[in-house]
Amino acid sequence: MKTTENYLAEIKEIRKMMEESSRFLSLSGLSGVLVGIYALLGAFMAESIIYTNKLFGWVLNKNVLPDLLLLAAIVLVLSLVTVILLTWRKARKGDKKIWNPGSRLMLINLAIPIISGGILILIFLFNGIYEIAAPGSLIFYGLALVNAAKFTRQEIFQLGIFQISLGILAALLPSLGLLFWALGFGAIHIIYGALMYFRYERTTNK
């Protein structure tokens, strides 16, 4: 005859299975650290392009927008590749599928604000309104994280709130937009990634 402890154990196991089927829990903390490093390097290079019209000694064109967009694209691609590879490695170690209902829902909820926000920012940039770049990217990214948090770890929600707050500050202080961008995509990502790694990954890797 089953005891109360047996029933509680079964309930916990069922709850765990339901959670794993509806939420994606294999995000890599180390990928967050690396993405933050990429962002800081990108911000450093963007500052050089904007204020000196040079990059590593090379003199650039007067219209720096194409160079900045290329730099942003490189940082974005590096970040996506890093997140995908490290998350896939983590999921494989835990014998979990990287593509499941939870990850699909997370990606859909993440992509809608990011894609719509990215298109809106590009429209403003090509119309000469450059001040929108930093606050717009931070706010739309933060909204995407808040939107996707219900399908992954709740720390993502907190990260989203930080990004939105920095985006609002960047809108209030447009001359410091690049600094707030570096804080949001760089420093905050590194801190978040390190916390996630030590909270969820370090113990399982021992």
N, C-alpha and C. Protein backbone atom coordinates (compact mmCIF):
# COMPACT_ATOMS: atom_id res chain seq x y z
N MET A 1 0.84 -1.19 0.00
CA MET A 1 0.00 0.00 0.00
C MET A 1 0.88 1.25 0.00
N LYS A 2 0.51 2.21 -0.85
CA LYS A 2 1.32 3.41 -0.97
C LYS A 2 1.17 4.31 0.25
N THR A 3 2.29 4.89 0.64
CA THR A 3 2.28 5.83 1.76
C THR A 3 2.11 7.25 1.21
N THR A 4 1.93 8.19 2.15
CA THR A 4 1.80 9.60 1.76
C THR A 4 3.04 10.08 1.02
N GLU A 5 4.21 9.59 1.49
CA GLU A 5 5.47 10.00 0.84
C GLU A 5 5.52 9.53 -0.60
N ASN A 6 4.98 8.32 -0.87
CA ASN A 6 4.94 7.81 -2.24
C ASN A 6 4.08 8.68 -3.14
N TYR A 7 2.91 9.06 -2.63
CA TYR A 7 2.02 9.91 -3.40
C TYR A 7 2.65 11.27 -3.68
N LEU A 8 3.29 11.85 -2.67
CA LEU A 8 3.95 13.15 -2.84
C LEU A 8 5.07 13.06 -3.87
N ALA A 9 5.83 11.96 -3.83
CA ALA A 9 6.92 11.78 -4.80
C ALA A 9 6.36 11.67 -6.22
N GLU A 10 5.25 10.93 -6.37
CA GLU A 10 4.63 10.80 -7.69
C GLU A 10 4.10 12.13 -8.19
N ILE A 11 3.49 12.91 -7.29
CA ILE A 11 2.97 14.22 -7.68
C ILE A 11 4.10 15.14 -8.13
N LYS A 12 5.23 15.10 -7.40
CA LYS A 12 6.38 15.92 -7.77
C LYS A 12 6.94 15.51 -9.13
N GLU A 13 6.95 14.20 -9.39
CA GLU A 13 7.47 13.71 -10.67
C GLU A 13 6.55 14.13 -11.82
N ILE A 14 5.24 14.04 -11.60
CA ILE A 14 4.28 14.47 -12.63
C ILE A 14 4.41 15.97 -12.88
N ARG A 15 4.56 16.72 -11.81
CA ARG A 15 4.71 18.18 -11.94
C ARG A 15 5.98 18.52 -12.72
N LYS A 16 7.05 17.79 -12.44
CA LYS A 16 8.32 18.02 -13.13
C LYS A 16 8.18 17.73 -14.62
N MET A 17 7.49 16.63 -14.96
CA MET A 17 7.30 16.27 -16.36
C MET A 17 6.45 17.32 -17.08
N MET A 18 5.41 17.82 -16.43
CA MET A 18 4.56 18.84 -17.03
C MET A 18 5.34 20.13 -17.24
N GLU A 19 6.18 20.49 -16.28
CA GLU A 19 6.99 21.70 -16.36
C GLU A 19 7.97 21.62 -17.51
N GLU A 20 8.61 20.44 -17.64
CA GLU A 20 9.60 20.27 -18.70
C GLU A 20 8.97 20.26 -20.08
N SER A 21 7.70 19.85 -20.17
CA SER A 21 7.04 19.82 -21.46
C SER A 21 6.53 21.19 -21.88
N SER A 22 6.29 22.09 -20.92
CA SER A 22 5.73 23.40 -21.25
C SER A 22 6.73 24.54 -21.09
N ARG A 23 7.90 24.26 -20.48
CA ARG A 23 8.89 25.31 -20.28
C ARG A 23 10.26 24.82 -20.75
N PHE A 24 11.05 25.73 -21.31
CA PHE A 24 12.38 25.39 -21.80
C PHE A 24 13.39 25.79 -20.73
N LEU A 25 14.06 24.79 -20.14
CA LEU A 25 14.93 25.05 -18.98
C LEU A 25 16.40 24.77 -19.27
N SER A 26 16.76 24.70 -20.54
CA SER A 26 18.14 24.34 -20.89
C SER A 26 18.98 25.52 -21.37
N LEU A 27 18.51 26.75 -21.12
CA LEU A 27 19.30 27.91 -21.51
C LEU A 27 20.64 27.91 -20.79
N SER A 28 21.69 28.23 -21.51
CA SER A 28 23.04 28.19 -20.95
C SER A 28 23.43 29.52 -20.32
N GLY A 29 23.84 29.48 -19.05
CA GLY A 29 24.33 30.68 -18.39
C GLY A 29 25.62 31.19 -19.00
N LEU A 30 26.49 30.27 -19.41
CA LEU A 30 27.76 30.66 -20.01
C LEU A 30 27.54 31.43 -21.31
N SER A 31 26.50 31.08 -22.05
CA SER A 31 26.22 31.81 -23.28
C SER A 31 25.86 33.25 -22.97
N GLY A 32 25.17 33.49 -21.84
CA GLY A 32 24.85 34.86 -21.44
C GLY A 32 26.11 35.67 -21.16
N VAL A 33 27.09 35.04 -20.52
CA VAL A 33 28.37 35.72 -20.24
C VAL A 33 29.06 36.09 -21.55
N LEU A 34 29.13 35.14 -22.48
CA LEU A 34 29.81 35.39 -23.76
C LEU A 34 29.08 36.45 -24.58
N VAL A 35 27.75 36.41 -24.58
CA VAL A 35 26.98 37.42 -25.30
C VAL A 35 27.26 38.81 -24.72
N GLY A 36 27.37 38.89 -23.40
CA GLY A 36 27.70 40.17 -22.77
C GLY A 36 29.07 40.68 -23.18
N ILE A 37 30.03 39.77 -23.29
CA ILE A 37 31.38 40.16 -23.73
C ILE A 37 31.34 40.65 -25.17
N TYR A 38 30.61 39.94 -26.04
CA TYR A 38 30.48 40.40 -27.43
C TYR A 38 29.88 41.80 -27.49
N ALA A 39 28.86 42.04 -26.66
CA ALA A 39 28.20 43.34 -26.66
C ALA A 39 29.13 44.46 -26.21
N LEU A 40 29.93 44.19 -25.18
CA LEU A 40 30.87 45.21 -24.71
C LEU A 40 31.92 45.53 -25.77
N LEU A 41 32.43 44.49 -26.44
CA LEU A 41 33.39 44.71 -27.52
C LEU A 41 32.73 45.49 -28.66
N GLY A 42 31.49 45.14 -28.97
CA GLY A 42 30.76 45.84 -30.02
C GLY A 42 30.54 47.30 -29.67
N ALA A 43 30.20 47.58 -28.40
CA ALA A 43 29.99 48.96 -27.96
C ALA A 43 31.28 49.76 -28.05
N PHE A 44 32.39 49.13 -27.68
CA PHE A 44 33.70 49.79 -27.78
C PHE A 44 34.01 50.17 -29.23
N MET A 45 33.76 49.24 -30.15
CA MET A 45 34.03 49.51 -31.57
C MET A 45 33.06 50.54 -32.13
N ALA A 46 31.79 50.48 -31.68
CA ALA A 46 30.80 51.46 -32.14
C ALA A 46 31.18 52.87 -31.69
N GLU A 47 31.68 52.98 -30.47
CA GLU A 47 32.12 54.30 -29.97
C GLU A 47 33.25 54.85 -30.83
N SER A 48 34.18 53.98 -31.20
CA SER A 48 35.29 54.40 -32.06
C SER A 48 34.78 54.86 -33.42
N ILE A 49 33.83 54.11 -33.97
CA ILE A 49 33.26 54.47 -35.28
C ILE A 49 32.54 55.81 -35.22
N ILE A 50 31.74 56.01 -34.17
CA ILE A 50 30.91 57.21 -34.06
C ILE A 50 31.74 58.46 -33.81
N TYR A 51 32.70 58.37 -32.88
CA TYR A 51 33.39 59.58 -32.43
C TYR A 51 34.72 59.85 -33.12
N THR A 52 35.33 58.84 -33.74
CA THR A 52 36.61 59.07 -34.42
C THR A 52 36.55 58.76 -35.91
N ASN A 53 35.44 58.14 -36.35
CA ASN A 53 35.30 57.74 -37.75
C ASN A 53 36.39 56.74 -38.17
N LYS A 54 36.91 56.03 -37.17
CA LYS A 54 37.94 55.04 -37.43
C LYS A 54 37.62 53.75 -36.68
N LEU A 55 38.20 52.66 -37.18
CA LEU A 55 38.09 51.38 -36.48
C LEU A 55 39.41 50.65 -36.65
N PHE A 56 40.11 50.48 -35.52
CA PHE A 56 41.45 49.86 -35.52
C PHE A 56 42.39 50.57 -36.50
N GLY A 57 42.28 51.90 -36.54
CA GLY A 57 43.18 52.69 -37.38
C GLY A 57 42.69 52.93 -38.79
N TRP A 58 41.67 52.17 -39.22
CA TRP A 58 41.15 52.35 -40.58
C TRP A 58 40.17 53.52 -40.61
N VAL A 59 40.37 54.43 -41.55
CA VAL A 59 39.46 55.57 -41.72
C VAL A 59 38.23 55.10 -42.46
N LEU A 60 37.05 55.41 -41.91
CA LEU A 60 35.79 54.95 -42.49
C LEU A 60 35.10 56.07 -43.27
N ASN A 61 34.01 55.74 -43.92
CA ASN A 61 33.23 56.73 -44.65
C ASN A 61 32.56 57.70 -43.68
N LYS A 62 32.20 58.88 -44.18
CA LYS A 62 31.53 59.86 -43.32
C LYS A 62 30.18 59.34 -42.84
N ASN A 63 29.49 58.63 -43.68
CA ASN A 63 28.22 58.02 -43.29
C ASN A 63 28.52 56.69 -42.58
N VAL A 64 28.46 56.72 -41.26
CA VAL A 64 28.87 55.55 -40.48
C VAL A 64 27.73 54.55 -40.26
N LEU A 65 26.51 54.90 -40.69
CA LEU A 65 25.36 54.02 -40.44
C LEU A 65 25.56 52.61 -41.01
N PRO A 66 26.01 52.45 -42.27
CA PRO A 66 26.23 51.09 -42.78
C PRO A 66 27.25 50.31 -41.96
N ASP A 67 28.33 51.00 -41.50
CA ASP A 67 29.34 50.32 -40.69
C ASP A 67 28.77 49.88 -39.34
N LEU A 68 27.94 50.73 -38.73
CA LEU A 68 27.33 50.39 -37.45
C LEU A 68 26.33 49.24 -37.60
N LEU A 69 25.57 49.24 -38.70
CA LEU A 69 24.62 48.16 -38.93
C LEU A 69 25.34 46.83 -39.17
N LEU A 70 26.46 46.89 -39.90
CA LEU A 70 27.26 45.68 -40.12
C LEU A 70 27.82 45.16 -38.80
N LEU A 71 28.32 46.07 -37.97
CA LEU A 71 28.85 45.68 -36.66
C LEU A 71 27.75 45.04 -35.81
N ALA A 72 26.57 45.66 -35.80
CA ALA A 72 25.44 45.11 -35.03
C ALA A 72 25.05 43.72 -35.54
N ALA A 73 25.08 43.54 -36.86
CA ALA A 73 24.73 42.24 -37.43
C ALA A 73 25.74 41.17 -37.02
N ILE A 74 27.04 41.53 -37.01
CA ILE A 74 28.08 40.58 -36.62
C ILE A 74 27.90 40.17 -35.16
N VAL A 75 27.65 41.15 -34.28
CA VAL A 75 27.45 40.86 -32.85
C VAL A 75 26.22 39.98 -32.67
N LEU A 76 25.14 40.26 -33.41
CA LEU A 76 23.91 39.49 -33.31
C LEU A 76 24.13 38.04 -33.75
N VAL A 77 24.80 37.84 -34.88
CA VAL A 77 25.04 36.49 -35.39
C VAL A 77 25.93 35.71 -34.43
N LEU A 78 27.00 36.33 -33.95
CA LEU A 78 27.88 35.66 -32.97
C LEU A 78 27.10 35.25 -31.72
N SER A 79 26.23 36.15 -31.26
CA SER A 79 25.45 35.88 -30.06
C SER A 79 24.50 34.72 -30.28
N LEU A 80 23.79 34.73 -31.40
CA LEU A 80 22.84 33.65 -31.69
C LEU A 80 23.53 32.30 -31.81
N VAL A 81 24.66 32.27 -32.53
CA VAL A 81 25.40 31.02 -32.70
C VAL A 81 25.88 30.50 -31.34
N THR A 82 26.39 31.40 -30.51
CA THR A 82 26.88 31.01 -29.18
C THR A 82 25.76 30.45 -28.32
N VAL A 83 24.63 31.14 -28.29
CA VAL A 83 23.49 30.69 -27.48
C VAL A 83 23.01 29.32 -27.95
N ILE A 84 22.87 29.14 -29.25
CA ILE A 84 22.37 27.87 -29.80
C ILE A 84 23.33 26.72 -29.48
N LEU A 85 24.63 26.93 -29.72
CA LEU A 85 25.60 25.86 -29.50
C LEU A 85 25.71 25.47 -28.03
N LEU A 86 25.82 26.46 -27.14
CA LEU A 86 25.99 26.14 -25.72
C LEU A 86 24.70 25.59 -25.10
N THR A 87 23.55 26.09 -25.57
CA THR A 87 22.29 25.55 -25.07
C THR A 87 22.09 24.13 -25.56
N TRP A 88 22.45 23.86 -26.82
CA TRP A 88 22.37 22.49 -27.35
C TRP A 88 23.28 21.56 -26.56
N ARG A 89 24.49 22.03 -26.23
CA ARG A 89 25.41 21.20 -25.46
C ARG A 89 24.86 20.91 -24.06
N LYS A 90 24.26 21.93 -23.45
CA LYS A 90 23.70 21.72 -22.11
C LYS A 90 22.53 20.75 -22.15
N ALA A 91 21.66 20.91 -23.15
CA ALA A 91 20.51 20.00 -23.27
C ALA A 91 20.96 18.57 -23.52
N ARG A 92 21.99 18.42 -24.32
CA ARG A 92 22.49 17.08 -24.62
C ARG A 92 23.07 16.42 -23.37
N LYS A 93 23.79 17.19 -22.57
CA LYS A 93 24.34 16.64 -21.33
C LYS A 93 23.24 16.18 -20.38
N GLY A 94 22.14 16.93 -20.38
CA GLY A 94 21.03 16.57 -19.51
C GLY A 94 20.06 15.59 -20.14
N ASP A 95 20.42 15.08 -21.34
CA ASP A 95 19.59 14.12 -22.06
C ASP A 95 18.19 14.69 -22.30
N LYS A 96 18.15 15.97 -22.74
CA LYS A 96 16.88 16.63 -23.01
C LYS A 96 16.86 17.13 -24.45
N LYS A 97 15.67 17.28 -25.00
CA LYS A 97 15.52 17.78 -26.35
C LYS A 97 15.56 19.30 -26.34
N ILE A 98 16.32 19.86 -27.32
CA ILE A 98 16.38 21.32 -27.42
C ILE A 98 15.14 21.87 -28.12
N TRP A 99 14.48 21.03 -28.93
CA TRP A 99 13.28 21.46 -29.65
C TRP A 99 12.07 20.74 -29.10
N ASN A 100 11.30 21.43 -28.28
CA ASN A 100 10.11 20.85 -27.66
C ASN A 100 9.04 21.93 -27.58
N PRO A 101 7.85 21.61 -27.10
CA PRO A 101 6.79 22.63 -27.04
C PRO A 101 7.20 23.88 -26.26
N GLY A 102 7.97 23.70 -25.18
CA GLY A 102 8.41 24.84 -24.39
C GLY A 102 9.33 25.76 -25.16
N SER A 103 10.31 25.19 -25.86
CA SER A 103 11.25 26.01 -26.62
C SER A 103 10.55 26.70 -27.79
N ARG A 104 9.59 26.03 -28.42
CA ARG A 104 8.85 26.64 -29.53
C ARG A 104 8.05 27.85 -29.05
N LEU A 105 7.34 27.68 -27.95
CA LEU A 105 6.55 28.79 -27.40
C LEU A 105 7.45 29.94 -26.95
N MET A 106 8.59 29.60 -26.35
CA MET A 106 9.52 30.63 -25.90
C MET A 106 10.03 31.44 -27.10
N LEU A 107 10.42 30.75 -28.17
CA LEU A 107 10.97 31.43 -29.35
C LEU A 107 9.92 32.31 -30.02
N ILE A 108 8.69 31.83 -30.11
CA ILE A 108 7.63 32.63 -30.73
C ILE A 108 7.40 33.91 -29.94
N ASN A 109 7.29 33.77 -28.62
CA ASN A 109 7.03 34.93 -27.77
C ASN A 109 8.23 35.87 -27.71
N LEU A 110 9.43 35.33 -27.91
CA LEU A 110 10.64 36.15 -27.94
C LEU A 110 10.78 36.88 -29.27
N ALA A 111 10.44 36.19 -30.36
CA ALA A 111 10.70 36.72 -31.70
C ALA A 111 9.77 37.86 -32.08
N ILE A 112 8.52 37.80 -31.68
CA ILE A 112 7.55 38.81 -32.14
C ILE A 112 7.96 40.23 -31.72
N PRO A 113 8.25 40.50 -30.43
CA PRO A 113 8.68 41.86 -30.07
C PRO A 113 10.03 42.23 -30.68
N ILE A 114 10.97 41.28 -30.76
CA ILE A 114 12.29 41.59 -31.29
C ILE A 114 12.24 41.93 -32.77
N ILE A 115 11.53 41.15 -33.56
CA ILE A 115 11.45 41.40 -34.99
C ILE A 115 10.69 42.70 -35.29
N SER A 116 9.54 42.88 -34.64
CA SER A 116 8.77 44.11 -34.87
C SER A 116 9.55 45.33 -34.40
N GLY A 117 10.22 45.22 -33.25
CA GLY A 117 11.03 46.33 -32.75
C GLY A 117 12.20 46.62 -33.66
N GLY A 118 12.85 45.57 -34.16
CA GLY A 118 13.99 45.75 -35.06
C GLY A 118 13.60 46.46 -36.34
N ILE A 119 12.46 46.08 -36.91
CA ILE A 119 11.98 46.74 -38.13
C ILE A 119 11.68 48.21 -37.86
N LEU A 120 11.02 48.49 -36.74
CA LEU A 120 10.68 49.88 -36.39
C LEU A 120 11.95 50.72 -36.21
N ILE A 121 12.94 50.17 -35.52
CA ILE A 121 14.19 50.90 -35.30
C ILE A 121 14.90 51.18 -36.62
N LEU A 122 14.93 50.20 -37.53
CA LEU A 122 15.56 50.39 -38.84
C LEU A 122 14.86 51.50 -39.64
N ILE A 123 13.53 51.55 -39.56
CA ILE A 123 12.78 52.60 -40.26
C ILE A 123 13.21 53.98 -39.74
N PHE A 124 13.31 54.11 -38.42
CA PHE A 124 13.73 55.38 -37.84
C PHE A 124 15.17 55.73 -38.23
N LEU A 125 16.05 54.73 -38.21
CA LEU A 125 17.46 54.98 -38.55
C LEU A 125 17.61 55.47 -39.98
N PHE A 126 16.91 54.83 -40.92
CA PHE A 126 17.01 55.23 -42.32
C PHE A 126 16.34 56.57 -42.60
N ASN A 127 15.59 57.06 -41.61
CA ASN A 127 15.01 58.39 -41.71
C ASN A 127 15.79 59.42 -40.90
N GLY A 128 16.98 59.02 -40.46
CA GLY A 128 17.88 59.95 -39.77
C GLY A 128 17.60 60.16 -38.29
N ILE A 129 16.75 59.34 -37.69
CA ILE A 129 16.45 59.47 -36.26
C ILE A 129 17.26 58.42 -35.51
N TYR A 130 18.50 58.78 -35.16
CA TYR A 130 19.44 57.81 -34.60
C TYR A 130 19.26 57.60 -33.08
N GLU A 131 18.63 58.58 -32.42
CA GLU A 131 18.50 58.48 -30.96
C GLU A 131 17.61 57.32 -30.52
N ILE A 132 16.84 56.78 -31.46
CA ILE A 132 15.92 55.69 -31.12
C ILE A 132 16.64 54.36 -30.94
N ALA A 133 17.86 54.23 -31.48
CA ALA A 133 18.53 52.92 -31.54
C ALA A 133 18.73 52.30 -30.17
N ALA A 134 19.40 53.01 -29.27
CA ALA A 134 19.71 52.44 -27.95
C ALA A 134 18.46 52.19 -27.11
N PRO A 135 17.62 53.21 -26.87
CA PRO A 135 16.43 52.94 -26.04
C PRO A 135 15.47 51.95 -26.68
N GLY A 136 15.30 52.05 -28.01
CA GLY A 136 14.37 51.15 -28.69
C GLY A 136 14.80 49.70 -28.60
N SER A 137 16.10 49.43 -28.84
CA SER A 137 16.58 48.04 -28.80
C SER A 137 16.50 47.48 -27.39
N LEU A 138 16.80 48.29 -26.39
CA LEU A 138 16.72 47.82 -25.00
C LEU A 138 15.28 47.53 -24.58
N ILE A 139 14.37 48.44 -24.92
CA ILE A 139 12.98 48.28 -24.50
C ILE A 139 12.32 47.10 -25.21
N PHE A 140 12.49 46.99 -26.52
CA PHE A 140 11.87 45.88 -27.24
C PHE A 140 12.48 44.54 -26.83
N TYR A 141 13.79 44.52 -26.57
CA TYR A 141 14.42 43.30 -26.10
C TYR A 141 13.89 42.93 -24.71
N GLY A 142 13.75 43.93 -23.85
CA GLY A 142 13.21 43.67 -22.52
C GLY A 142 11.79 43.14 -22.57
N LEU A 143 10.97 43.73 -23.45
CA LEU A 143 9.59 43.25 -23.61
C LEU A 143 9.56 41.81 -24.12
N ALA A 144 10.50 41.49 -25.03
CA ALA A 144 10.59 40.13 -25.54
C ALA A 144 10.93 39.15 -24.43
N LEU A 145 11.86 39.52 -23.56
CA LEU A 145 12.24 38.65 -22.44
C LEU A 145 11.08 38.46 -21.47
N VAL A 146 10.39 39.54 -21.15
CA VAL A 146 9.24 39.45 -20.24
C VAL A 146 8.17 38.54 -20.86
N ASN A 147 7.97 38.69 -22.16
CA ASN A 147 6.97 37.90 -22.88
C ASN A 147 7.32 36.41 -22.89
N ALA A 148 8.63 36.11 -23.02
CA ALA A 148 9.07 34.71 -23.13
C ALA A 148 9.31 34.04 -21.78
N ALA A 149 9.35 34.84 -20.71
CA ALA A 149 9.74 34.31 -19.39
C ALA A 149 8.80 33.21 -18.90
N LYS A 150 7.54 33.28 -19.28
CA LYS A 150 6.59 32.26 -18.78
C LYS A 150 6.84 30.88 -19.37
N PHE A 151 7.73 30.81 -20.38
CA PHE A 151 8.04 29.52 -20.99
C PHE A 151 9.47 29.07 -20.70
N THR A 152 10.14 29.76 -19.75
CA THR A 152 11.47 29.35 -19.34
C THR A 152 11.67 29.77 -17.88
N ARG A 153 12.89 29.95 -17.46
CA ARG A 153 13.15 30.31 -16.06
C ARG A 153 12.70 31.74 -15.78
N GLN A 154 12.20 31.97 -14.57
CA GLN A 154 11.65 33.26 -14.22
C GLN A 154 12.71 34.36 -14.09
N GLU A 155 13.98 33.98 -14.00
CA GLU A 155 15.04 34.99 -13.99
C GLU A 155 15.03 35.81 -15.28
N ILE A 156 14.53 35.21 -16.36
CA ILE A 156 14.43 35.91 -17.64
C ILE A 156 13.50 37.12 -17.51
N PHE A 157 12.45 36.98 -16.71
CA PHE A 157 11.52 38.09 -16.47
C PHE A 157 12.25 39.26 -15.81
N GLN A 158 13.05 38.97 -14.80
CA GLN A 158 13.80 40.02 -14.11
C GLN A 158 14.81 40.69 -15.04
N LEU A 159 15.46 39.88 -15.88
CA LEU A 159 16.39 40.43 -16.86
C LEU A 159 15.67 41.38 -17.80
N GLY A 160 14.46 41.01 -18.21
CA GLY A 160 13.67 41.87 -19.09
C GLY A 160 13.33 43.20 -18.45
N ILE A 161 12.97 43.17 -17.17
CA ILE A 161 12.64 44.42 -16.46
C ILE A 161 13.86 45.33 -16.39
N PHE A 162 15.03 44.77 -16.15
CA PHE A 162 16.27 45.56 -16.15
C PHE A 162 16.48 46.23 -17.50
N GLN A 163 16.28 45.47 -18.58
CA GLN A 163 16.50 46.02 -19.92
C GLN A 163 15.52 47.14 -20.23
N ILE A 164 14.27 46.96 -19.88
CA ILE A 164 13.26 48.00 -20.11
C ILE A 164 13.62 49.26 -19.32
N SER A 165 14.04 49.10 -18.07
CA SER A 165 14.40 50.25 -17.23
C SER A 165 15.57 51.02 -17.83
N LEU A 166 16.59 50.29 -18.30
CA LEU A 166 17.74 50.95 -18.93
C LEU A 166 17.32 51.63 -20.23
N GLY A 167 16.39 51.03 -20.97
CA GLY A 167 15.90 51.64 -22.20
C GLY A 167 15.21 52.98 -21.93
N ILE A 168 14.42 53.02 -20.87
CA ILE A 168 13.73 54.28 -20.51
C ILE A 168 14.75 55.34 -20.12
N LEU A 169 15.77 54.95 -19.34
CA LEU A 169 16.83 55.89 -18.98
C LEU A 169 17.59 56.38 -20.21
N ALA A 170 17.82 55.48 -21.16
CA ALA A 170 18.51 55.87 -22.40
C ALA A 170 17.67 56.86 -23.20
N ALA A 171 16.34 56.73 -23.14
CA ALA A 171 15.47 57.69 -23.83
C ALA A 171 15.49 59.05 -23.14
N LEU A 172 15.60 59.04 -21.81
CA LEU A 172 15.65 60.29 -21.05
C LEU A 172 17.00 60.99 -21.20
N LEU A 173 18.07 60.19 -21.40
CA LEU A 173 19.42 60.74 -21.52
C LEU A 173 20.04 60.24 -22.83
N PRO A 174 19.58 60.77 -23.97
CA PRO A 174 20.01 60.24 -25.27
C PRO A 174 21.51 60.36 -25.52
N SER A 175 22.18 61.33 -24.89
CA SER A 175 23.62 61.46 -25.09
C SER A 175 24.39 60.30 -24.47
N LEU A 176 23.74 59.56 -23.55
CA LEU A 176 24.38 58.41 -22.90
C LEU A 176 23.80 57.09 -23.42
N GLY A 177 23.17 57.14 -24.58
CA GLY A 177 22.50 55.96 -25.11
C GLY A 177 23.42 54.77 -25.29
N LEU A 178 24.62 55.01 -25.82
CA LEU A 178 25.56 53.90 -26.05
C LEU A 178 26.01 53.29 -24.73
N LEU A 179 26.17 54.13 -23.70
CA LEU A 179 26.56 53.63 -22.38
C LEU A 179 25.48 52.72 -21.81
N PHE A 180 24.22 53.15 -21.88
CA PHE A 180 23.13 52.33 -21.38
C PHE A 180 23.00 51.04 -22.18
N TRP A 181 23.25 51.12 -23.51
CA TRP A 181 23.21 49.94 -24.35
C TRP A 181 24.28 48.94 -23.90
N ALA A 182 25.49 49.45 -23.63
CA ALA A 182 26.58 48.58 -23.18
C ALA A 182 26.26 47.96 -21.82
N LEU A 183 25.62 48.72 -20.94
CA LEU A 183 25.23 48.19 -19.63
C LEU A 183 24.19 47.09 -19.79
N GLY A 184 23.18 47.34 -20.63
CA GLY A 184 22.09 46.38 -20.78
C GLY A 184 22.50 45.10 -21.48
N PHE A 185 23.08 45.24 -22.65
CA PHE A 185 23.44 44.06 -23.43
C PHE A 185 24.79 43.47 -23.01
N GLY A 186 25.62 44.28 -22.36
CA GLY A 186 26.94 43.81 -21.95
C GLY A 186 27.00 43.40 -20.49
N ALA A 187 27.07 44.39 -19.60
CA ALA A 187 27.29 44.12 -18.17
C ALA A 187 26.17 43.29 -17.55
N ILE A 188 24.91 43.65 -17.82
CA ILE A 188 23.79 42.91 -17.22
C ILE A 188 23.75 41.47 -17.71
N HIS A 189 24.08 41.24 -18.99
CA HIS A 189 24.11 39.88 -19.50
C HIS A 189 25.20 39.05 -18.83
N ILE A 190 26.35 39.66 -18.60
CA ILE A 190 27.44 38.93 -17.95
C ILE A 190 27.05 38.55 -16.53
N ILE A 191 26.46 39.50 -15.79
CA ILE A 191 26.04 39.23 -14.41
C ILE A 191 24.95 38.16 -14.39
N TYR A 192 23.94 38.31 -15.26
CA TYR A 192 22.85 37.33 -15.33
C TYR A 192 23.38 35.94 -15.70
N GLY A 193 24.25 35.88 -16.71
CA GLY A 193 24.78 34.60 -17.15
C GLY A 193 25.57 33.90 -16.06
N ALA A 194 26.38 34.68 -15.33
CA ALA A 194 27.17 34.11 -14.24
C ALA A 194 26.26 33.57 -13.13
N LEU A 195 25.23 34.34 -12.79
CA LEU A 195 24.30 33.89 -11.75
C LEU A 195 23.57 32.61 -12.18
N MET A 196 23.14 32.55 -13.42
CA MET A 196 22.46 31.36 -13.92
C MET A 196 23.39 30.15 -13.92
N TYR A 197 24.64 30.39 -14.29
CA TYR A 197 25.60 29.28 -14.33
C TYR A 197 25.81 28.71 -12.93
N PHE A 198 26.08 29.59 -11.96
CA PHE A 198 26.35 29.10 -10.60
C PHE A 198 25.10 28.56 -9.92
N ARG A 199 23.93 29.01 -10.33
CA ARG A 199 22.69 28.54 -9.70
C ARG A 199 22.23 27.20 -10.27
N TYR A 200 22.36 27.00 -11.58
CA TYR A 200 21.75 25.84 -12.20
C TYR A 200 22.74 24.88 -12.88
N GLU A 201 23.92 25.35 -13.24
CA GLU A 201 24.81 24.52 -14.06
C GLU A 201 26.03 24.00 -13.33
N ARG A 202 26.57 24.80 -12.43
CA ARG A 202 27.82 24.40 -11.78
C ARG A 202 27.66 23.10 -11.00
N THR A 203 26.55 23.00 -10.27
CA THR A 203 26.34 21.80 -9.44
C THR A 203 26.16 20.55 -10.29
N THR A 204 25.50 20.74 -11.47
CA THR A 204 25.25 19.57 -12.32
C THR A 204 26.50 19.15 -13.08
N ASN A 205 27.46 20.09 -13.24
CA ASN A 205 28.70 19.77 -13.96
C ASN A 205 29.74 19.10 -13.09
N LYS A 206 29.53 19.10 -11.77
CA LYS A 206 30.52 18.50 -10.86
C LYS A 206 30.38 16.98 -10.87
